Amino acid sequence: MSEGQARAGGDSDQQASGVRSVRRAFDILTLLTEDRPVITLREITESTGLAKTTALRLVQTLEETGLLGSHPSGYSAGPALWRWAYLARGQWEVPQETRKVMRDLADRLGETVNLFVARGVHRICVAHEESPHPLRHVVDVGDEQPLWAGASSKILLRDASEVFLHRVAAASPQGEAHVERLRAWVTEAAERGYAVSSSEWDEGLTAVAVPVTGRTGKVVASLSLSGPSHRFPYEAVERFATALAEGARLISGQGFSHPLSSGV
């Protein structure tokens, strides 16, 4: 082996090791949630499968960079995450006039209102207003769900190419055979002007969704209403869809767009 080949091999190994370390550090950070704002070293090793020495080394590095902070019970989010979250919020938060339309809908219809955009083969919640009921559907801003099911997916896929529909279907549990159903869902939603789903993504959950369009008429987001299926009788769906469509027209008229949307 030549010196150049040996050096290239060494660089490749170092690069792979660096990527692995980044992935492990990310796995540690994702253990932090609203329900678990503090994590212990033991929880880290048990959840990630890392050796204690490796986990400790990564945690120390994350502390040094401000991504983790020391806590009497373990480790919590560090100040660097706060700075990044503030930056992301400023870039990604939807306008107040859009939130007002959504809040009015949630109060009037009594169910949770969500705004989704497509990104790759997923949809991301970029805004939500919760139902006033104690029993309600909760989707957090930033939550990512697949495009192969759900009322919002049927709306967001309206302008999708055949190639992209196959990509979405391939990511589903049914595989590429799911493309026929996707195509039928999208066609039906386009004809009716709204989409409905029941227990397709969450058991016992029903959702109604309508399109938010951009200046060119293409779908840029999905405005949806979701909640327990027993509160979505057939006769209520049309009423929900009509109210949502009115809200979507207002949001579309505001010139809605979102930086997270990659379109389909």
C-alpha atoms as a PDB file:
ATOM      1  CA  MET A   1       0.000   0.000   0.000  1.00  0.00           C
ATOM      2  CA  SER A   2       1.336   3.430  -0.948  1.00  0.00           C
ATOM      3  CA  GLU A   3       1.728   6.297   1.512  1.00  0.00           C
ATOM      4  CA  GLY A   4      -1.091   8.165  -0.242  1.00  0.00           C
ATOM      5  CA  GLN A   5      -3.453   5.200   0.052  1.00  0.00           C
ATOM      6  CA  ALA A   6      -2.591   4.780   3.743  1.00  0.00           C
ATOM      7  CA  ARG A   7      -3.261   8.469   4.377  1.00  0.00           C
ATOM      8  CA  ALA A   8      -6.580   8.299   2.506  1.00  0.00           C
ATOM      9  CA  GLY A   9      -7.589   5.247   4.512  1.00  0.00           C
ATOM     10  CA  GLY A  10      -6.691   7.001   7.750  1.00  0.00           C
ATOM     11  CA  ASP A  11      -8.677  10.106   6.779  1.00  0.00           C
ATOM     12  CA  SER A  12     -11.674   7.932   5.929  1.00  0.00           C
ATOM     13  CA  ASP A  13     -11.514   6.168   9.290  1.00  0.00           C
ATOM     14  CA  GLN A  14     -11.260   9.495  11.127  1.00  0.00           C
ATOM     15  CA  GLN A  15     -14.215  10.872   9.191  1.00  0.00           C
ATOM     16  CA  ALA A  16     -16.334   7.807   9.994  1.00  0.00           C
ATOM     17  CA  SER A  17     -15.366   8.075  13.660  1.00  0.00           C
ATOM     18  CA  GLY A  18     -16.275  11.772  13.692  1.00  0.00           C
ATOM     19  CA  VAL A  19     -19.675  11.146  12.103  1.00  0.00           C
ATOM     20  CA  ARG A  20     -20.317   8.355  14.615  1.00  0.00           C
ATOM     21  CA  SER A  21     -19.491  10.669  17.509  1.00  0.00           C
ATOM     22  CA  VAL A  22     -21.832  13.359  16.176  1.00  0.00           C
ATOM     23  CA  ARG A  23     -24.599  10.788  15.821  1.00  0.00           C
ATOM     24  CA  ARG A  24     -24.048   9.561  19.378  1.00  0.00           C
ATOM     25  CA  ALA A  25     -24.083  13.108  20.732  1.00  0.00           C
ATOM     26  CA  PHE A  26     -27.330  13.761  18.883  1.00  0.00           C
ATOM     27  CA  ASP A  27     -28.835  10.568  20.345  1.00  0.00           C
ATOM     28  CA  ILE A  28     -28.019  11.864  23.829  1.00  0.00           C
ATOM     29  CA  LEU A  29     -29.626  15.249  23.186  1.00  0.00           C
ATOM     30  CA  THR A  30     -32.807  13.650  21.854  1.00  0.00           C
ATOM     31  CA  LEU A  31     -33.315  11.961  25.224  1.00  0.00           C
ATOM     32  CA  LEU A  32     -34.326  15.371  26.584  1.00  0.00           C
ATOM     33  CA  THR A  33     -38.085  15.937  26.325  1.00  0.00           C
ATOM     34  CA  GLU A  34     -40.753  18.029  28.013  1.00  0.00           C
ATOM     35  CA  ASP A  35     -41.586  15.013  30.160  1.00  0.00           C
ATOM     36  CA  ARG A  36     -37.915  14.336  30.887  1.00  0.00           C
ATOM     37  CA  PRO A  37     -36.047  17.677  31.059  1.00  0.00           C
ATOM     38  CA  VAL A  38     -33.206  16.135  33.102  1.00  0.00           C
ATOM     39  CA  ILE A  39     -31.333  12.942  32.240  1.00  0.00           C
ATOM     40  CA  THR A  40     -28.828  10.932  34.259  1.00  0.00           C
ATOM     41  CA  LEU A  41     -25.688   9.217  33.027  1.00  0.00           C
ATOM     42  CA  ARG A  42     -27.326   5.878  33.756  1.00  0.00           C
ATOM     43  CA  GLU A  43     -30.344   6.771  31.592  1.00  0.00           C
ATOM     44  CA  ILE A  44     -27.980   7.786  28.807  1.00  0.00           C
ATOM     45  CA  THR A  45     -26.054   4.506  28.846  1.00  0.00           C
ATOM     46  CA  GLU A  46     -29.212   2.417  29.098  1.00  0.00           C
ATOM     47  CA  SER A  47     -30.993   4.267  26.293  1.00  0.00           C
ATOM     48  CA  THR A  48     -28.070   4.529  23.872  1.00  0.00           C
ATOM     49  CA  GLY A  49     -26.160   1.345  24.702  1.00  0.00           C
ATOM     50  CA  LEU A  50     -22.944   3.347  25.003  1.00  0.00           C
ATOM     51  CA  ALA A  51     -20.195   2.335  27.406  1.00  0.00           C
ATOM     52  CA  LYS A  52     -20.110   4.526  30.497  1.00  0.00           C
ATOM     53  CA  THR A  53     -16.693   5.969  29.627  1.00  0.00           C
ATOM     54  CA  THR A  54     -17.832   6.844  26.083  1.00  0.00           C
ATOM     55  CA  ALA A  55     -21.056   8.399  27.326  1.00  0.00           C
ATOM     56  CA  LEU A  56     -19.194  10.430  29.944  1.00  0.00           C
ATOM     57  CA  ARG A  57     -16.720  11.726  27.353  1.00  0.00           C
ATOM     58  CA  LEU A  58     -19.545  12.799  25.034  1.00  0.00           C
ATOM     59  CA  VAL A  59     -21.468  14.430  27.878  1.00  0.00           C
ATOM     60  CA  GLN A  60     -18.381  16.408  28.906  1.00  0.00           C
ATOM     61  CA  THR A  61     -17.947  17.623  25.321  1.00  0.00           C
ATOM     62  CA  LEU A  62     -21.617  18.611  25.133  1.00  0.00           C
ATOM     63  CA  GLU A  63     -21.202  20.533  28.403  1.00  0.00           C
ATOM     64  CA  GLU A  64     -18.121  22.334  27.091  1.00  0.00           C
ATOM     65  CA  THR A  65     -20.021  23.446  23.988  1.00  0.00           C
ATOM     66  CA  GLY A  66     -23.017  24.564  26.038  1.00  0.00           C
ATOM     67  CA  LEU A  67     -25.418  21.993  24.584  1.00  0.00           C
ATOM     68  CA  LEU A  68     -25.858  20.321  27.975  1.00  0.00           C
ATOM     69  CA  GLY A  69     -25.803  21.846  31.421  1.00  0.00           C
ATOM     70  CA  SER A  70     -25.072  20.333  34.827  1.00  0.00           C
ATOM     71  CA  HIS A  71     -28.063  19.713  37.080  1.00  0.00           C
ATOM     72  CA  PRO A  72     -28.219  18.366  40.656  1.00  0.00           C
ATOM     73  CA  SER A  73     -30.030  15.303  39.277  1.00  0.00           C
ATOM     74  CA  GLY A  74     -28.010  14.887  36.084  1.00  0.00           C
ATOM     75  CA  TYR A  75     -27.911  16.907  32.867  1.00  0.00           C
ATOM     76  CA  SER A  76     -30.338  19.353  31.275  1.00  0.00           C
ATOM     77  CA  ALA A  77     -30.486  21.475  28.132  1.00  0.00           C
ATOM     78  CA  GLY A  78     -27.611  23.940  27.944  1.00  0.00           C
ATOM     79  CA  PRO A  79     -27.645  27.647  27.071  1.00  0.00           C
ATOM     80  CA  ALA A  80     -26.461  27.002  23.507  1.00  0.00           C
ATOM     81  CA  LEU A  81     -29.695  25.088  22.826  1.00  0.00           C
ATOM     82  CA  TRP A  82     -31.665  28.032  24.158  1.00  0.00           C
ATOM     83  CA  ARG A  83     -29.857  30.366  21.754  1.00  0.00           C
ATOM     84  CA  TRP A  84     -30.487  28.019  18.818  1.00  0.00           C
ATOM     85  CA  ALA A  85     -34.126  27.550  19.829  1.00  0.00           C
ATOM     86  CA  TYR A  86     -34.585  31.335  19.961  1.00  0.00           C
ATOM     87  CA  LEU A  87     -33.026  31.636  16.500  1.00  0.00           C
ATOM     88  CA  ALA A  88     -35.217  28.846  15.093  1.00  0.00           C
ATOM     89  CA  ARG A  89     -38.329  30.345  16.651  1.00  0.00           C
ATOM     90  CA  GLY A  90     -37.648  33.700  15.036  1.00  0.00           C
ATOM     91  CA  GLN A  91     -37.228  32.076  11.617  1.00  0.00           C
ATOM     92  CA  TRP A  92     -39.955  29.421  11.766  1.00  0.00           C
ATOM     93  CA  GLU A  93     -42.771  30.819  13.909  1.00  0.00           C
ATOM     94  CA  VAL A  94     -45.858  31.531  11.837  1.00  0.00           C
ATOM     95  CA  PRO A  95     -47.233  35.104  11.743  1.00  0.00           C
ATOM     96  CA  GLN A  96     -49.573  36.241  14.497  1.00  0.00           C
ATOM     97  CA  GLU A  97     -52.400  36.840  12.020  1.00  0.00           C
ATOM     98  CA  THR A  98     -52.187  33.165  11.029  1.00  0.00           C
ATOM     99  CA  ARG A  99     -52.243  32.098  14.672  1.00  0.00           C
ATOM    100  CA  LYS A 100     -55.307  34.279  15.254  1.00  0.00           C
ATOM    101  CA  VAL A 101     -57.235  32.538  12.467  1.00  0.00           C
ATOM    102  CA  MET A 102     -56.286  29.161  13.960  1.00  0.00           C
ATOM    103  CA  ARG A 103     -57.194  30.200  17.513  1.00  0.00           C
ATOM    104  CA  ASP A 104     -60.600  31.446  16.374  1.00  0.00           C
ATOM    105  CA  LEU A 105     -61.251  28.111  14.654  1.00  0.00           C
ATOM    106  CA  ALA A 106     -60.204  26.088  17.701  1.00  0.00           C
ATOM    107  CA  ASP A 107     -62.463  28.136  19.975  1.00  0.00           C
ATOM    108  CA  ARG A 108     -65.416  28.037  17.605  1.00  0.00           C
ATOM    109  CA  LEU A 109     -65.194  24.379  16.580  1.00  0.00           C
ATOM    110  CA  GLY A 110     -63.900  23.040  19.881  1.00  0.00           C
ATOM    111  CA  GLU A 111     -61.115  20.882  18.430  1.00  0.00           C
ATOM    112  CA  THR A 112     -57.351  21.156  17.921  1.00  0.00           C
ATOM    113  CA  VAL A 113     -56.241  23.065  14.821  1.00  0.00           C
ATOM    114  CA  ASN A 114     -52.897  22.219  13.210  1.00  0.00           C
ATOM    115  CA  LEU A 115     -50.904  23.651  10.338  1.00  0.00           C
ATOM    116  CA  PHE A 116     -48.638  21.196   8.489  1.00  0.00           C
ATOM    117  CA  VAL A 117     -46.074  21.670   5.713  1.00  0.00           C
ATOM    118  CA  ALA A 118     -44.426  18.956   3.640  1.00  0.00           C
ATOM    119  CA  ARG A 119     -40.724  18.265   4.003  1.00  0.00           C
ATOM    120  CA  GLY A 120     -39.335  15.276   2.154  1.00  0.00           C
ATOM    121  CA  VAL A 121     -41.573  12.252   2.716  1.00  0.00           C
ATOM    122  CA  HIS A 122     -42.839  13.714   6.000  1.00  0.00           C
ATOM    123  CA  ARG A 123     -45.100  16.489   7.188  1.00  0.00           C
ATOM    124  CA  ILE A 124     -44.106  18.836   9.982  1.00  0.00           C
ATOM    125  CA  CYS A 125     -46.420  20.688  12.347  1.00  0.00           C
ATOM    126  CA  VAL A 126     -45.429  24.370  12.201  1.00  0.00           C
ATOM    127  CA  ALA A 127     -48.294  25.727  14.341  1.00  0.00           C
ATOM    128  CA  HIS A 128     -51.142  24.436  16.475  1.00  0.00           C
ATOM    129  CA  GLU A 129     -53.938  25.724  18.661  1.00  0.00           C
ATOM    130  CA  GLU A 130     -55.307  23.249  21.178  1.00  0.00           C
ATOM    131  CA  SER A 131     -58.900  22.253  21.733  1.00  0.00           C
ATOM    132  CA  PRO A 132     -60.532  23.648  24.899  1.00  0.00           C
ATOM    133  CA  HIS A 133     -61.673  20.093  25.815  1.00  0.00           C
ATOM    134  CA  PRO A 134     -59.686  18.164  28.474  1.00  0.00           C
ATOM    135  CA  LEU A 135     -59.641  15.162  26.115  1.00  0.00           C
ATOM    136  CA  ARG A 136     -57.976  16.452  22.972  1.00  0.00           C
ATOM    137  CA  HIS A 137     -55.470  15.625  20.284  1.00  0.00           C
ATOM    138  CA  VAL A 138     -52.057  17.147  20.939  1.00  0.00           C
ATOM    139  CA  VAL A 139     -49.430  17.654  18.249  1.00  0.00           C
ATOM    140  CA  ASP A 140     -46.397  19.685  19.229  1.00  0.00           C
ATOM    141  CA  VAL A 141     -44.811  22.224  16.918  1.00  0.00           C
ATOM    142  CA  GLY A 142     -41.907  20.487  15.208  1.00  0.00           C
ATOM    143  CA  ASP A 143     -43.515  17.039  15.345  1.00  0.00           C
ATOM    144  CA  GLU A 144     -42.829  15.053  12.193  1.00  0.00           C
ATOM    145  CA  GLN A 145     -45.272  12.513  10.756  1.00  0.00           C
ATOM    146  CA  PRO A 146     -45.150  10.438   7.556  1.00  0.00           C
ATOM    147  CA  LEU A 147     -46.945  11.476   4.400  1.00  0.00           C
ATOM    148  CA  TRP A 148     -48.326   7.998   3.733  1.00  0.00           C
ATOM    149  CA  ALA A 149     -51.386   8.482   5.984  1.00  0.00           C
ATOM    150  CA  GLY A 150     -53.606  11.150   7.515  1.00  0.00           C
ATOM    151  CA  ALA A 151     -55.940  13.845   6.233  1.00  0.00           C
ATOM    152  CA  SER A 152     -53.182  16.461   6.011  1.00  0.00           C
ATOM    153  CA  SER A 153     -51.028  14.134   3.912  1.00  0.00           C
ATOM    154  CA  LYS A 154     -53.827  13.708   1.377  1.00  0.00           C
ATOM    155  CA  ILE A 155     -53.931  17.487   1.020  1.00  0.00           C
ATOM    156  CA  LEU A 156     -50.173  18.059   0.886  1.00  0.00           C
ATOM    157  CA  LEU A 157     -49.746  15.407  -1.826  1.00  0.00           C
ATOM    158  CA  ARG A 158     -52.195  17.101  -4.215  1.00  0.00           C
ATOM    159  CA  ASP A 159     -49.489  18.480  -6.492  1.00  0.00           C
ATOM    160  CA  ALA A 160     -47.067  15.565  -6.027  1.00  0.00           C
ATOM    161  CA  SER A 161     -45.482  13.866  -9.018  1.00  0.00           C
ATOM    162  CA  GLU A 162     -45.948  10.168  -9.689  1.00  0.00           C
ATOM    163  CA  VAL A 163     -42.311   9.576  -8.786  1.00  0.00           C
ATOM    164  CA  PHE A 164     -42.764  11.262  -5.415  1.00  0.00           C
ATOM    165  CA  LEU A 165     -45.954   9.301  -4.674  1.00  0.00           C
ATOM    166  CA  HIS A 166     -43.944   6.116  -5.190  1.00  0.00           C
ATOM    167  CA  ARG A 167     -41.313   7.415  -2.758  1.00  0.00           C
ATOM    168  CA  VAL A 168     -43.944   8.078  -0.110  1.00  0.00           C
ATOM    169  CA  ALA A 169     -45.575   4.693  -0.668  1.00  0.00           C
ATOM    170  CA  ALA A 170     -42.222   2.919  -0.394  1.00  0.00           C
ATOM    171  CA  ALA A 171     -41.747   4.466   3.061  1.00  0.00           C
ATOM    172  CA  SER A 172     -45.084   3.058   4.273  1.00  0.00           C
ATOM    173  CA  PRO A 173     -45.594  -0.310   6.004  1.00  0.00           C
ATOM    174  CA  GLN A 174     -47.390  -1.534   2.859  1.00  0.00           C
ATOM    175  CA  GLY A 175     -44.513  -0.639   0.554  1.00  0.00           C
ATOM    176  CA  GLU A 176     -44.925   0.563  -3.044  1.00  0.00           C
ATOM    177  CA  ALA A 177     -48.273  -1.227  -3.356  1.00  0.00           C
ATOM    178  CA  HIS A 178     -49.651   1.611  -1.217  1.00  0.00           C
ATOM    179  CA  VAL A 179     -49.295   4.030  -4.142  1.00  0.00           C
ATOM    180  CA  GLU A 180     -52.713   3.058  -5.546  1.00  0.00           C
ATOM    181  CA  ARG A 181     -54.434   4.002  -2.310  1.00  0.00           C
ATOM    182  CA  LEU A 182     -52.434   7.223  -2.054  1.00  0.00           C
ATOM    183  CA  ARG A 183     -53.431   8.188  -5.569  1.00  0.00           C
ATOM    184  CA  ALA A 184     -57.111   7.505  -4.824  1.00  0.00           C
ATOM    185  CA  TRP A 185     -56.961   9.492  -1.571  1.00  0.00           C
ATOM    186  CA  VAL A 186     -55.344  12.493  -3.258  1.00  0.00           C
ATOM    187  CA  THR A 187     -57.835  12.465  -6.144  1.00  0.00           C
ATOM    188  CA  GLU A 188     -60.814  12.251  -3.792  1.00  0.00           C
ATOM    189  CA  ALA A 189     -59.489  15.082  -1.600  1.00  0.00           C
ATOM    190  CA  ALA A 190     -58.888  17.306  -4.643  1.00  0.00           C
ATOM    191  CA  GLU A 191     -62.432  16.699  -5.910  1.00  0.00           C
ATOM    192  CA  ARG A 192     -64.104  17.349  -2.546  1.00  0.00           C
ATOM    193  CA  GLY A 193     -61.834  20.212  -1.525  1.00  0.00           C
ATOM    194  CA  TYR A 194     -61.047  18.581   1.807  1.00  0.00           C
ATOM    195  CA  ALA A 195     -59.741  15.288   3.202  1.00  0.00           C
ATOM    196  CA  VAL A 196     -60.803  13.104   6.110  1.00  0.00           C
ATOM    197  CA  SER A 197     -58.931  10.392   7.971  1.00  0.00           C
ATOM    198  CA  SER A 198     -60.000   8.136  10.808  1.00  0.00           C
ATOM    199  CA  SER A 199     -57.533   6.028  12.835  1.00  0.00           C
ATOM    200  CA  GLU A 200     -55.058   6.064   9.938  1.00  0.00           C
ATOM    201  CA  TRP A 201     -52.218   7.454  12.026  1.00  0.00           C
ATOM    202  CA  ASP A 202     -53.491   7.495  15.634  1.00  0.00           C
ATOM    203  CA  GLU A 203     -56.099   4.983  16.772  1.00  0.00           C
ATOM    204  CA  GLY A 204     -59.376   6.666  17.699  1.00  0.00           C
ATOM    205  CA  LEU A 205     -58.389   9.944  16.042  1.00  0.00           C
ATOM    206  CA  THR A 206     -60.271  11.646  13.235  1.00  0.00           C
ATOM    207  CA  ALA A 207     -58.996  14.624  11.261  1.00  0.00           C
ATOM    208  CA  VAL A 208     -60.357  16.933   8.587  1.00  0.00           C
ATOM    209  CA  ALA A 209     -57.936  18.949   6.455  1.00  0.00           C
ATOM    210  CA  VAL A 210     -58.064  21.594   3.724  1.00  0.00           C
ATOM    211  CA  PRO A 211     -55.378  23.180   1.540  1.00  0.00           C
ATOM    212  CA  VAL A 212     -53.605  26.478   2.118  1.00  0.00           C
ATOM    213  CA  THR A 213     -52.423  27.698  -1.262  1.00  0.00           C
ATOM    214  CA  GLY A 214     -49.698  30.036  -2.425  1.00  0.00           C
ATOM    215  CA  ARG A 215     -49.807  32.764  -5.044  1.00  0.00           C
ATOM    216  CA  THR A 216     -49.451  30.206  -7.866  1.00  0.00           C
ATOM    217  CA  GLY A 217     -52.346  28.134  -6.581  1.00  0.00           C
ATOM    218  CA  LYS A 218     -50.155  25.283  -5.392  1.00  0.00           C
ATOM    219  CA  VAL A 219     -50.639  23.751  -1.960  1.00  0.00           C
ATOM    220  CA  VAL A 220     -48.147  25.197   0.524  1.00  0.00           C
ATOM    221  CA  ALA A 221     -49.660  23.866   3.751  1.00  0.00           C
ATOM    222  CA  SER A 222     -52.506  21.880   5.233  1.00  0.00           C
ATOM    223  CA  LEU A 223     -54.904  23.341   7.792  1.00  0.00           C
ATOM    224  CA  SER A 224     -56.503  20.578   9.838  1.00  0.00           C
ATOM    225  CA  LEU A 225     -58.907  19.946  12.677  1.00  0.00           C
ATOM    226  CA  SER A 226     -58.373  16.809  14.768  1.00  0.00           C
ATOM    227  CA  GLY A 227     -59.791  15.121  17.833  1.00  0.00           C
ATOM    228  CA  PRO A 228     -61.373  11.957  19.257  1.00  0.00           C
ATOM    229  CA  SER A 229     -63.436  10.185  16.602  1.00  0.00           C
ATOM    230  CA  HIS A 230     -66.624  10.185  18.694  1.00  0.00           C
ATOM    231  CA  ARG A 231     -66.701  13.996  18.401  1.00  0.00           C
ATOM    232  CA  PHE A 232     -66.517  13.828  14.589  1.00  0.00           C
ATOM    233  CA  PRO A 233     -69.905  12.406  13.510  1.00  0.00           C
ATOM    234  CA  TYR A 234     -70.593  12.351   9.794  1.00  0.00           C
ATOM    235  CA  GLU A 235     -72.918  15.364   9.945  1.00  0.00           C
ATOM    236  CA  ALA A 236     -70.218  17.474  11.637  1.00  0.00           C
ATOM    237  CA  VAL A 237     -67.470  16.801   9.087  1.00  0.00           C
ATOM    238  CA  GLU A 238     -69.020  19.005   6.369  1.00  0.00           C
ATOM    239  CA  ARG A 239     -69.456  21.842   8.858  1.00  0.00           C
ATOM    240  CA  PHE A 240     -65.851  21.474  10.027  1.00  0.00           C
ATOM    241  CA  ALA A 241     -64.585  21.391   6.432  1.00  0.00           C
ATOM    242  CA  THR A 242     -66.521  24.545   5.524  1.00  0.00           C
ATOM    243  CA  ALA A 243     -65.166  26.471   8.523  1.00  0.00           C
ATOM    244  CA  LEU A 244     -61.622  25.253   7.840  1.00  0.00           C
ATOM    245  CA  ALA A 245     -61.875  26.285   4.185  1.00  0.00           C
ATOM    246  CA  GLU A 246     -62.846  29.798   5.249  1.00  0.00           C
ATOM    247  CA  GLY A 247     -59.852  29.913   7.583  1.00  0.00           C
ATOM    248  CA  ALA A 248     -57.541  28.547   4.889  1.00  0.00           C
ATOM    249  CA  ARG A 249     -58.677  31.276   2.484  1.00  0.00           C
ATOM    250  CA  LEU A 250     -57.772  33.901   5.058  1.00  0.00           C
ATOM    251  CA  ILE A 251     -54.344  32.356   5.651  1.00  0.00           C
ATOM    252  CA  SER A 252     -53.733  31.984   1.905  1.00  0.00           C
ATOM    253  CA  GLY A 253     -54.689  35.638   1.466  1.00  0.00           C
ATOM    254  CA  GLN A 254     -52.042  36.578   4.019  1.00  0.00           C
ATOM    255  CA  GLY A 255     -49.434  35.162   1.634  1.00  0.00           C
ATOM    256  CA  PHE A 256     -48.475  32.246   3.879  1.00  0.00           C
ATOM    257  CA  SER A 257     -45.156  30.473   3.273  1.00  0.00           C
ATOM    258  CA  HIS A 258     -42.779  28.644   5.573  1.00  0.00           C
ATOM    259  CA  PRO A 259     -38.995  28.069   5.385  1.00  0.00           C
ATOM    260  CA  LEU A 260     -39.311  24.431   6.538  1.00  0.00           C
ATOM    261  CA  SER A 261     -41.472  23.490   3.569  1.00  0.00           C
ATOM    262  CA  SER A 262     -39.648  21.613   0.837  1.00  0.00           C
ATOM    263  CA  GLY A 263     -42.780  21.098  -1.238  1.00  0.00           C
ATOM    264  CA  VAL A 264     -43.567  17.843  -2.991  1.00  0.00           C
END
